[in-house]
Amino acid sequence: MPKVKHYNTRLSHDKLDFLSDVLSDFCDSQELPFMSADDILYGDLRDSLTEYAKNWLEKYIQVWDIIQEEEVNNNIKLETFIPNFHD
């Protein structure tokens, strides 16, 4: 079983940066090149991935999409709440 690192999320700039760090560690543990999870899962490497890696990457992409949507929605709410704040 791969060694799991413990992350201090305060060191990451945001949630997506944190997820990128997690993906980087996953790629290291699986001896994969560090690139987007989509590129790994649906690109030339797909046939060489283990079932574990495929499942992990599928779940990772789902989490990434949820966090990305959350950040977009939070930015829209902030802009709506404080229109022209920068002026």
PDB file of N, CA and C in Angstrom:
ATOM      1  N   MET A   1       0.849  -1.184   0.000  1.00  0.00           N
ATOM      2  CA  MET A   1       0.000   0.000   0.000  1.00  0.00           C
ATOM      3  C   MET A   1       0.891   1.243   0.000  1.00  0.00           C
ATOM      4  N   PRO A   2       0.580   2.234  -0.868  1.00  0.00           N
ATOM      5  CA  PRO A   2       1.427   3.415  -0.952  1.00  0.00           C
ATOM      6  C   PRO A   2       1.369   4.236   0.330  1.00  0.00           C
ATOM      7  N   LYS A   3       2.486   4.874   0.635  1.00  0.00           N
ATOM      8  CA  LYS A   3       2.557   5.753   1.793  1.00  0.00           C
ATOM      9  C   LYS A   3       1.751   7.016   1.506  1.00  0.00           C
ATOM     10  N   VAL A   4       0.917   7.408   2.450  1.00  0.00           N
ATOM     11  CA  VAL A   4       0.064   8.584   2.279  1.00  0.00           C
ATOM     12  C   VAL A   4       0.690   9.763   3.000  1.00  0.00           C
ATOM     13  N   LYS A   5       0.793  10.861   2.317  1.00  0.00           N
ATOM     14  CA  LYS A   5       1.319  12.077   2.937  1.00  0.00           C
ATOM     15  C   LYS A   5       0.180  12.800   3.644  1.00  0.00           C
ATOM     16  N   HIS A   6       0.528  13.505   4.693  1.00  0.00           N
ATOM     17  CA  HIS A   6      -0.448  14.332   5.389  1.00  0.00           C
ATOM     18  C   HIS A   6      -0.204  15.778   4.972  1.00  0.00           C
ATOM     19  N   TYR A   7      -1.244  16.430   4.534  1.00  0.00           N
ATOM     20  CA  TYR A   7      -1.123  17.767   3.976  1.00  0.00           C
ATOM     21  C   TYR A   7      -1.625  18.813   4.958  1.00  0.00           C
ATOM     22  N   ASN A   8      -0.932  19.904   5.005  1.00  0.00           N
ATOM     23  CA  ASN A   8      -1.392  21.058   5.756  1.00  0.00           C
ATOM     24  C   ASN A   8      -2.068  21.971   4.744  1.00  0.00           C
ATOM     25  N   THR A   9      -3.391  21.977   4.732  1.00  0.00           N
ATOM     26  CA  THR A   9      -4.117  22.707   3.693  1.00  0.00           C
ATOM     27  C   THR A   9      -3.874  24.206   3.774  1.00  0.00           C
ATOM     28  N   ARG A  10      -3.422  24.692   4.914  1.00  0.00           N
ATOM     29  CA  ARG A  10      -3.132  26.126   5.021  1.00  0.00           C
ATOM     30  C   ARG A  10      -1.941  26.515   4.160  1.00  0.00           C
ATOM     31  N   LEU A  11      -1.105  25.550   3.811  1.00  0.00           N
ATOM     32  CA  LEU A  11       0.042  25.848   2.974  1.00  0.00           C
ATOM     33  C   LEU A  11      -0.340  25.963   1.500  1.00  0.00           C
ATOM     34  N   SER A  12      -1.444  25.383   1.122  1.00  0.00           N
ATOM     35  CA  SER A  12      -1.908  25.463  -0.262  1.00  0.00           C
ATOM     36  C   SER A  12      -2.647  26.775  -0.457  1.00  0.00           C
ATOM     37  N   HIS A  13      -2.444  27.368  -1.607  1.00  0.00           N
ATOM     38  CA  HIS A  13      -3.082  28.657  -1.893  1.00  0.00           C
ATOM     39  C   HIS A  13      -4.601  28.524  -1.895  1.00  0.00           C
ATOM     40  N   ASP A  14      -5.102  27.483  -2.477  1.00  0.00           N
ATOM     41  CA  ASP A  14      -6.542  27.232  -2.489  1.00  0.00           C
ATOM     42  C   ASP A  14      -6.784  25.729  -2.628  1.00  0.00           C
ATOM     43  N   LYS A  15      -8.039  25.364  -2.687  1.00  0.00           N
ATOM     44  CA  LYS A  15      -8.392  23.943  -2.738  1.00  0.00           C
ATOM     45  C   LYS A  15      -7.885  23.264  -4.003  1.00  0.00           C
ATOM     46  N   LEU A  16      -7.906  23.971  -5.120  1.00  0.00           N
ATOM     47  CA  LEU A  16      -7.431  23.367  -6.364  1.00  0.00           C
ATOM     48  C   LEU A  16      -5.918  23.174  -6.343  1.00  0.00           C
ATOM     49  N   ASP A  17      -5.198  24.086  -5.706  1.00  0.00           N
ATOM     50  CA  ASP A  17      -3.757  23.885  -5.529  1.00  0.00           C
ATOM     51  C   ASP A  17      -3.497  22.653  -4.681  1.00  0.00           C
ATOM     52  N   PHE A  18      -4.285  22.494  -3.622  1.00  0.00           N
ATOM     53  CA  PHE A  18      -4.161  21.327  -2.758  1.00  0.00           C
ATOM     54  C   PHE A  18      -4.404  20.045  -3.549  1.00  0.00           C
ATOM     55  N   LEU A  19      -5.456  20.041  -4.363  1.00  0.00           N
ATOM     56  CA  LEU A  19      -5.755  18.857  -5.173  1.00  0.00           C
ATOM     57  C   LEU A  19      -4.630  18.575  -6.172  1.00  0.00           C
ATOM     58  N   SER A  20      -4.024  19.612  -6.704  1.00  0.00           N
ATOM     59  CA  SER A  20      -2.886  19.415  -7.616  1.00  0.00           C
ATOM     60  C   SER A  20      -1.721  18.757  -6.889  1.00  0.00           C
ATOM     61  N   ASP A  21      -1.491  19.155  -5.637  1.00  0.00           N
ATOM     62  CA  ASP A  21      -0.439  18.526  -4.840  1.00  0.00           C
ATOM     63  C   ASP A  21      -0.740  17.046  -4.617  1.00  0.00           C
ATOM     64  N   VAL A  22      -1.999  16.738  -4.331  1.00  0.00           N
ATOM     65  CA  VAL A  22      -2.406  15.344  -4.123  1.00  0.00           C
ATOM     66  C   VAL A  22      -2.185  14.535  -5.404  1.00  0.00           C
ATOM     67  N   LEU A  23      -2.568  15.105  -6.552  1.00  0.00           N
ATOM     68  CA  LEU A  23      -2.366  14.411  -7.828  1.00  0.00           C
ATOM     69  C   LEU A  23      -0.880  14.191  -8.098  1.00  0.00           C
ATOM     70  N   SER A  24      -0.072  15.179  -7.786  1.00  0.00           N
ATOM     71  CA  SER A  24       1.369  15.039  -7.991  1.00  0.00           C
ATOM     72  C   SER A  24       1.914  13.871  -7.178  1.00  0.00           C
ATOM     73  N   ASP A  25       1.494  13.760  -5.941  1.00  0.00           N
ATOM     74  CA  ASP A  25       1.943  12.648  -5.103  1.00  0.00           C
ATOM     75  C   ASP A  25       1.428  11.306  -5.620  1.00  0.00           C
ATOM     76  N   PHE A  26       0.195  11.292  -6.094  1.00  0.00           N
ATOM     77  CA  PHE A  26      -0.354  10.068  -6.675  1.00  0.00           C
ATOM     78  C   PHE A  26       0.471   9.645  -7.882  1.00  0.00           C
ATOM     79  N   CYS A  27       0.768  10.600  -8.747  1.00  0.00           N
ATOM     80  CA  CYS A  27       1.569  10.289  -9.937  1.00  0.00           C
ATOM     81  C   CYS A  27       2.934   9.735  -9.535  1.00  0.00           C
ATOM     82  N   ASP A  28       3.563  10.337  -8.530  1.00  0.00           N
ATOM     83  CA  ASP A  28       4.854   9.826  -8.052  1.00  0.00           C
ATOM     84  C   ASP A  28       4.708   8.390  -7.556  1.00  0.00           C
ATOM     85  N   SER A  29       3.666   8.131  -6.764  1.00  0.00           N
ATOM     86  CA  SER A  29       3.505   6.793  -6.181  1.00  0.00           C
ATOM     87  C   SER A  29       3.180   5.739  -7.231  1.00  0.00           C
ATOM     88  N   GLN A  30       2.564   6.152  -8.340  1.00  0.00           N
ATOM     89  CA  GLN A  30       2.196   5.223  -9.406  1.00  0.00           C
ATOM     90  C   GLN A  30       3.191   5.234 -10.565  1.00  0.00           C
ATOM     91  N   GLU A  31       4.259   6.006 -10.396  1.00  0.00           N
ATOM     92  CA  GLU A  31       5.282   6.156 -11.434  1.00  0.00           C
ATOM     93  C   GLU A  31       4.684   6.625 -12.759  1.00  0.00           C
ATOM     94  N   LEU A  32       3.847   7.648 -12.640  1.00  0.00           N
ATOM     95  CA  LEU A  32       3.204   8.267 -13.812  1.00  0.00           C
ATOM     96  C   LEU A  32       3.744   9.676 -13.983  1.00  0.00           C
ATOM     97  N   PRO A  33       3.751  10.175 -15.202  1.00  0.00           N
ATOM     98  CA  PRO A  33       4.149  11.572 -15.398  1.00  0.00           C
ATOM     99  C   PRO A  33       3.080  12.486 -14.787  1.00  0.00           C
ATOM    100  N   PHE A  34       3.522  13.614 -14.251  1.00  0.00           N
ATOM    101  CA  PHE A  34       2.578  14.566 -13.665  1.00  0.00           C
ATOM    102  C   PHE A  34       1.959  15.401 -14.769  1.00  0.00           C
ATOM    103  N   MET A  35       0.685  15.153 -14.984  1.00  0.00           N
ATOM    104  CA  MET A  35      -0.103  15.913 -15.958  1.00  0.00           C
ATOM    105  C   MET A  35      -1.543  15.873 -15.473  1.00  0.00           C
ATOM    106  N   SER A  36      -2.443  16.485 -16.185  1.00  0.00           N
ATOM    107  CA  SER A  36      -3.831  16.520 -15.718  1.00  0.00           C
ATOM    108  C   SER A  36      -4.395  15.099 -15.613  1.00  0.00           C
ATOM    109  N   ALA A  37      -5.284  14.923 -14.657  1.00  0.00           N
ATOM    110  CA  ALA A  37      -5.902  13.609 -14.456  1.00  0.00           C
ATOM    111  C   ALA A  37      -6.649  13.173 -15.710  1.00  0.00           C
ATOM    112  N   ASP A  38      -7.290  14.114 -16.387  1.00  0.00           N
ATOM    113  CA  ASP A  38      -7.990  13.796 -17.635  1.00  0.00           C
ATOM    114  C   ASP A  38      -7.030  13.253 -18.687  1.00  0.00           C
ATOM    115  N   ASP A  39      -5.877  13.899 -18.813  1.00  0.00           N
ATOM    116  CA  ASP A  39      -4.891  13.457 -19.810  1.00  0.00           C
ATOM    117  C   ASP A  39      -4.360  12.063 -19.491  1.00  0.00           C
ATOM    118  N   ILE A  40      -4.154  11.799 -18.204  1.00  0.00           N
ATOM    119  CA  ILE A  40      -3.664  10.474 -17.824  1.00  0.00           C
ATOM    120  C   ILE A  40      -4.733   9.425 -18.096  1.00  0.00           C
ATOM    121  N   LEU A  41      -5.961   9.701 -17.637  1.00  0.00           N
ATOM    122  CA  LEU A  41      -7.030   8.711 -17.708  1.00  0.00           C
ATOM    123  C   LEU A  41      -7.522   8.469 -19.132  1.00  0.00           C
ATOM    124  N   TYR A  42      -7.620   9.518 -19.937  1.00  0.00           N
ATOM    125  CA  TYR A  42      -8.216   9.375 -21.264  1.00  0.00           C
ATOM    126  C   TYR A  42      -7.205   9.482 -22.403  1.00  0.00           C
ATOM    127  N   GLY A  43      -5.927   9.617 -22.063  1.00  0.00           N
ATOM    128  CA  GLY A  43      -4.898   9.758 -23.083  1.00  0.00           C
ATOM    129  C   GLY A  43      -4.189   8.450 -23.388  1.00  0.00           C
ATOM    130  N   ASP A  44      -2.975   8.588 -23.875  1.00  0.00           N
ATOM    131  CA  ASP A  44      -2.185   7.437 -24.308  1.00  0.00           C
ATOM    132  C   ASP A  44      -1.843   6.464 -23.179  1.00  0.00           C
ATOM    133  N   LEU A  45      -1.884   6.932 -21.941  1.00  0.00           N
ATOM    134  CA  LEU A  45      -1.499   6.080 -20.812  1.00  0.00           C
ATOM    135  C   LEU A  45      -2.617   5.155 -20.348  1.00  0.00           C
ATOM    136  N   ARG A  46      -3.831   5.372 -20.806  1.00  0.00           N
ATOM    137  CA  ARG A  46      -4.996   4.636 -20.288  1.00  0.00           C
ATOM    138  C   ARG A  46      -4.793   3.123 -20.277  1.00  0.00           C
ATOM    139  N   ASP A  47      -4.300   2.562 -21.346  1.00  0.00           N
ATOM    140  CA  ASP A  47      -4.156   1.107 -21.431  1.00  0.00           C
ATOM    141  C   ASP A  47      -3.127   0.548 -20.452  1.00  0.00           C
ATOM    142  N   SER A  48      -2.216   1.379 -19.985  1.00  0.00           N
ATOM    143  CA  SER A  48      -1.182   0.910 -19.058  1.00  0.00           C
ATOM    144  C   SER A  48      -1.557   1.117 -17.587  1.00  0.00           C
ATOM    145  N   LEU A  49      -2.705   1.746 -17.326  1.00  0.00           N
ATOM    146  CA  LEU A  49      -3.123   2.020 -15.949  1.00  0.00           C
ATOM    147  C   LEU A  49      -3.717   0.782 -15.291  1.00  0.00           C
ATOM    148  N   THR A  50      -3.474   0.656 -14.004  1.00  0.00           N
ATOM    149  CA  THR A  50      -4.124  -0.402 -13.228  1.00  0.00           C
ATOM    150  C   THR A  50      -5.576   0.001 -12.985  1.00  0.00           C
ATOM    151  N   GLU A  51      -6.398  -0.964 -12.613  1.00  0.00           N
ATOM    152  CA  GLU A  51      -7.795  -0.644 -12.276  1.00  0.00           C
ATOM    153  C   GLU A  51      -7.854   0.329 -11.103  1.00  0.00           C
ATOM    154  N   TYR A  52      -6.952   0.131 -10.140  1.00  0.00           N
ATOM    155  CA  TYR A  52      -6.885   1.043  -9.001  1.00  0.00           C
ATOM    156  C   TYR A  52      -6.636   2.475  -9.477  1.00  0.00           C
ATOM    157  N   ALA A  53      -5.663   2.659 -10.362  1.00  0.00           N
ATOM    158  CA  ALA A  53      -5.325   3.994 -10.863  1.00  0.00           C
ATOM    159  C   ALA A  53      -6.490   4.594 -11.645  1.00  0.00           C
ATOM    160  N   LYS A  54      -7.145   3.795 -12.466  1.00  0.00           N
ATOM    161  CA  LYS A  54      -8.300   4.295 -13.223  1.00  0.00           C
ATOM    162  C   LYS A  54      -9.409   4.758 -12.283  1.00  0.00           C
ATOM    163  N   ASN A  55      -9.712   3.942 -11.278  1.00  0.00           N
ATOM    164  CA  ASN A  55     -10.758   4.309 -10.323  1.00  0.00           C
ATOM    165  C   ASN A  55     -10.371   5.550  -9.533  1.00  0.00           C
ATOM    166  N   TRP A  56      -9.125   5.625  -9.097  1.00  0.00           N
ATOM    167  CA  TRP A  56      -8.658   6.773  -8.332  1.00  0.00           C
ATOM    168  C   TRP A  56      -8.775   8.050  -9.169  1.00  0.00           C
ATOM    169  N   LEU A  57      -8.336   7.972 -10.411  1.00  0.00           N
ATOM    170  CA  LEU A  57      -8.382   9.147 -11.286  1.00  0.00           C
ATOM    171  C   LEU A  57      -9.818   9.567 -11.588  1.00  0.00           C
ATOM    172  N   GLU A  58     -10.712   8.612 -11.778  1.00  0.00           N
ATOM    173  CA  GLU A  58     -12.121   8.947 -12.002  1.00  0.00           C
ATOM    174  C   GLU A  58     -12.688   9.702 -10.814  1.00  0.00           C
ATOM    175  N   LYS A  59     -12.407   9.220  -9.599  1.00  0.00           N
ATOM    176  CA  LYS A  59     -12.894   9.887  -8.383  1.00  0.00           C
ATOM    177  C   LYS A  59     -12.238  11.253  -8.210  1.00  0.00           C
ATOM    178  N   TYR A  60     -10.959  11.332  -8.509  1.00  0.00           N
ATOM    179  CA  TYR A  60     -10.236  12.599  -8.417  1.00  0.00           C
ATOM    180  C   TYR A  60     -10.877  13.644  -9.337  1.00  0.00           C
ATOM    181  N   ILE A  61     -11.182  13.254 -10.550  1.00  0.00           N
ATOM    182  CA  ILE A  61     -11.798  14.177 -11.512  1.00  0.00           C
ATOM    183  C   ILE A  61     -13.154  14.643 -11.004  1.00  0.00           C
ATOM    184  N   GLN A  62     -13.925  13.739 -10.408  1.00  0.00           N
ATOM    185  CA  GLN A  62     -15.220  14.125  -9.838  1.00  0.00           C
ATOM    186  C   GLN A  62     -15.046  15.158  -8.731  1.00  0.00           C
ATOM    187  N   VAL A  63     -14.078  14.930  -7.854  1.00  0.00           N
ATOM    188  CA  VAL A  63     -13.825  15.884  -6.767  1.00  0.00           C
ATOM    189  C   VAL A  63     -13.355  17.215  -7.331  1.00  0.00           C
ATOM    190  N   TRP A  64     -12.443  17.179  -8.298  1.00  0.00           N
ATOM    191  CA  TRP A  64     -11.942  18.412  -8.930  1.00  0.00           C
ATOM    192  C   TRP A  64     -13.104  19.220  -9.496  1.00  0.00           C
ATOM    193  N   ASP A  65     -14.009  18.554 -10.216  1.00  0.00           N
ATOM    194  CA  ASP A  65     -15.135  19.255 -10.830  1.00  0.00           C
ATOM    195  C   ASP A  65     -16.043  19.894  -9.779  1.00  0.00           C
ATOM    196  N   ILE A  66     -16.271  19.199  -8.677  1.00  0.00           N
ATOM    197  CA  ILE A  66     -17.108  19.743  -7.600  1.00  0.00           C
ATOM    198  C   ILE A  66     -16.452  20.981  -6.984  1.00  0.00           C
ATOM    199  N   ILE A  67     -15.165  20.891  -6.687  1.00  0.00           N
ATOM    200  CA  ILE A  67     -14.448  22.021  -6.074  1.00  0.00           C
ATOM    201  C   ILE A  67     -14.374  23.192  -7.042  1.00  0.00           C
ATOM    202  N   GLN A  68     -14.132  22.916  -8.297  1.00  0.00           N
ATOM    203  CA  GLN A  68     -14.055  23.982  -9.292  1.00  0.00           C
ATOM    204  C   GLN A  68     -15.406  24.692  -9.408  1.00  0.00           C
ATOM    205  N   GLU A  69     -16.485  23.927  -9.433  1.00  0.00           N
ATOM    206  CA  GLU A  69     -17.824  24.515  -9.497  1.00  0.00           C
ATOM    207  C   GLU A  69     -18.099  25.350  -8.250  1.00  0.00           C
ATOM    208  N   GLU A  70     -17.686  24.849  -7.095  1.00  0.00           N
ATOM    209  CA  GLU A  70     -17.875  25.581  -5.846  1.00  0.00           C
ATOM    210  C   GLU A  70     -17.145  26.920  -5.881  1.00  0.00           C
ATOM    211  N   GLU A  71     -15.908  26.917  -6.376  1.00  0.00           N
ATOM    212  CA  GLU A  71     -15.136  28.156  -6.440  1.00  0.00           C
ATOM    213  C   GLU A  71     -15.753  29.146  -7.421  1.00  0.00           C
ATOM    214  N   VAL A  72     -16.254  28.658  -8.540  1.00  0.00           N
ATOM    215  CA  VAL A  72     -16.921  29.540  -9.508  1.00  0.00           C
ATOM    216  C   VAL A  72     -18.162  30.154  -8.871  1.00  0.00           C
ATOM    217  N   ASN A  73     -18.969  29.328  -8.216  1.00  0.00           N
ATOM    218  CA  ASN A  73     -20.181  29.830  -7.568  1.00  0.00           C
ATOM    219  C   ASN A  73     -19.859  30.821  -6.464  1.00  0.00           C
ATOM    220  N   ASN A  74     -18.823  30.582  -5.690  1.00  0.00           N
ATOM    221  CA  ASN A  74     -18.432  31.517  -4.634  1.00  0.00           C
ATOM    222  C   ASN A  74     -17.988  32.848  -5.212  1.00  0.00           C
ATOM    223  N   ASN A  75     -17.277  32.829  -6.322  1.00  0.00           N
ATOM    224  CA  ASN A  75     -16.849  34.075  -6.957  1.00  0.00           C
ATOM    225  C   ASN A  75     -18.032  34.851  -7.497  1.00  0.00           C
ATOM    226  N   ILE A  76     -19.017  34.165  -8.061  1.00  0.00           N
ATOM    227  CA  ILE A  76     -20.217  34.835  -8.572  1.00  0.00           C
ATOM    228  C   ILE A  76     -20.983  35.463  -7.419  1.00  0.00           C
ATOM    229  N   LYS A  77     -21.135  34.732  -6.308  1.00  0.00           N
ATOM    230  CA  LYS A  77     -21.843  35.275  -5.144  1.00  0.00           C
ATOM    231  C   LYS A  77     -21.137  36.505  -4.609  1.00  0.00           C
ATOM    232  N   LEU A  78     -19.809  36.479  -4.544  1.00  0.00           N
ATOM    233  CA  LEU A  78     -19.054  37.613  -4.041  1.00  0.00           C
ATOM    234  C   LEU A  78     -19.229  38.812  -4.956  1.00  0.00           C
ATOM    235  N   GLU A  79     -19.167  38.602  -6.264  1.00  0.00           N
ATOM    236  CA  GLU A  79     -19.342  39.698  -7.208  1.00  0.00           C
ATOM    237  C   GLU A  79     -20.753  40.265  -7.132  1.00  0.00           C
ATOM    238  N   THR A  80     -21.741  39.420  -6.883  1.00  0.00           N
ATOM    239  CA  THR A  80     -23.118  39.880  -6.759  1.00  0.00           C
ATOM    240  C   THR A  80     -23.303  40.663  -5.459  1.00  0.00           C
ATOM    241  N   PHE A  81     -22.669  40.188  -4.409  1.00  0.00           N
ATOM    242  CA  PHE A  81     -22.805  40.818  -3.105  1.00  0.00           C
ATOM    243  C   PHE A  81     -22.103  42.166  -3.063  1.00  0.00           C
ATOM    244  N   ILE A  82     -20.954  42.281  -3.715  1.00  0.00           N
ATOM    245  CA  ILE A  82     -20.167  43.509  -3.681  1.00  0.00           C
ATOM    246  C   ILE A  82     -19.881  43.956  -5.121  1.00  0.00           C
ATOM    247  N   PRO A  83     -20.898  44.451  -5.822  1.00  0.00           N
ATOM    248  CA  PRO A  83     -20.651  44.898  -7.202  1.00  0.00           C
ATOM    249  C   PRO A  83     -19.727  46.111  -7.227  1.00  0.00           C
ATOM    250  N   ASN A  84     -18.851  46.134  -8.185  1.00  0.00           N
ATOM    251  CA  ASN A  84     -17.924  47.251  -8.397  1.00  0.00           C
ATOM    252  C   ASN A  84     -17.101  47.551  -7.158  1.00  0.00           C
ATOM    253  N   PHE A  85     -16.784  46.536  -6.393  1.00  0.00           N
ATOM    254  CA  PHE A  85     -16.024  46.722  -5.164  1.00  0.00           C
ATOM    255  C   PHE A  85     -14.662  47.369  -5.433  1.00  0.00           C
ATOM    256  N   HIS A  86     -14.091  47.041  -6.560  1.00  0.00           N
ATOM    257  CA  HIS A  86     -12.750  47.539  -6.882  1.00  0.00           C
ATOM    258  C   HIS A  86     -12.748  49.000  -7.282  1.00  0.00           C
ATOM    259  N   ASP A  87     -13.880  49.591  -7.565  1.00  0.00           N
ATOM    260  CA  ASP A  87     -13.920  51.008  -8.013  1.00  0.00           C
ATOM    261  C   ASP A  87     -13.741  51.971  -6.873  1.00  0.00           C
TER     262      ASP A  87
END
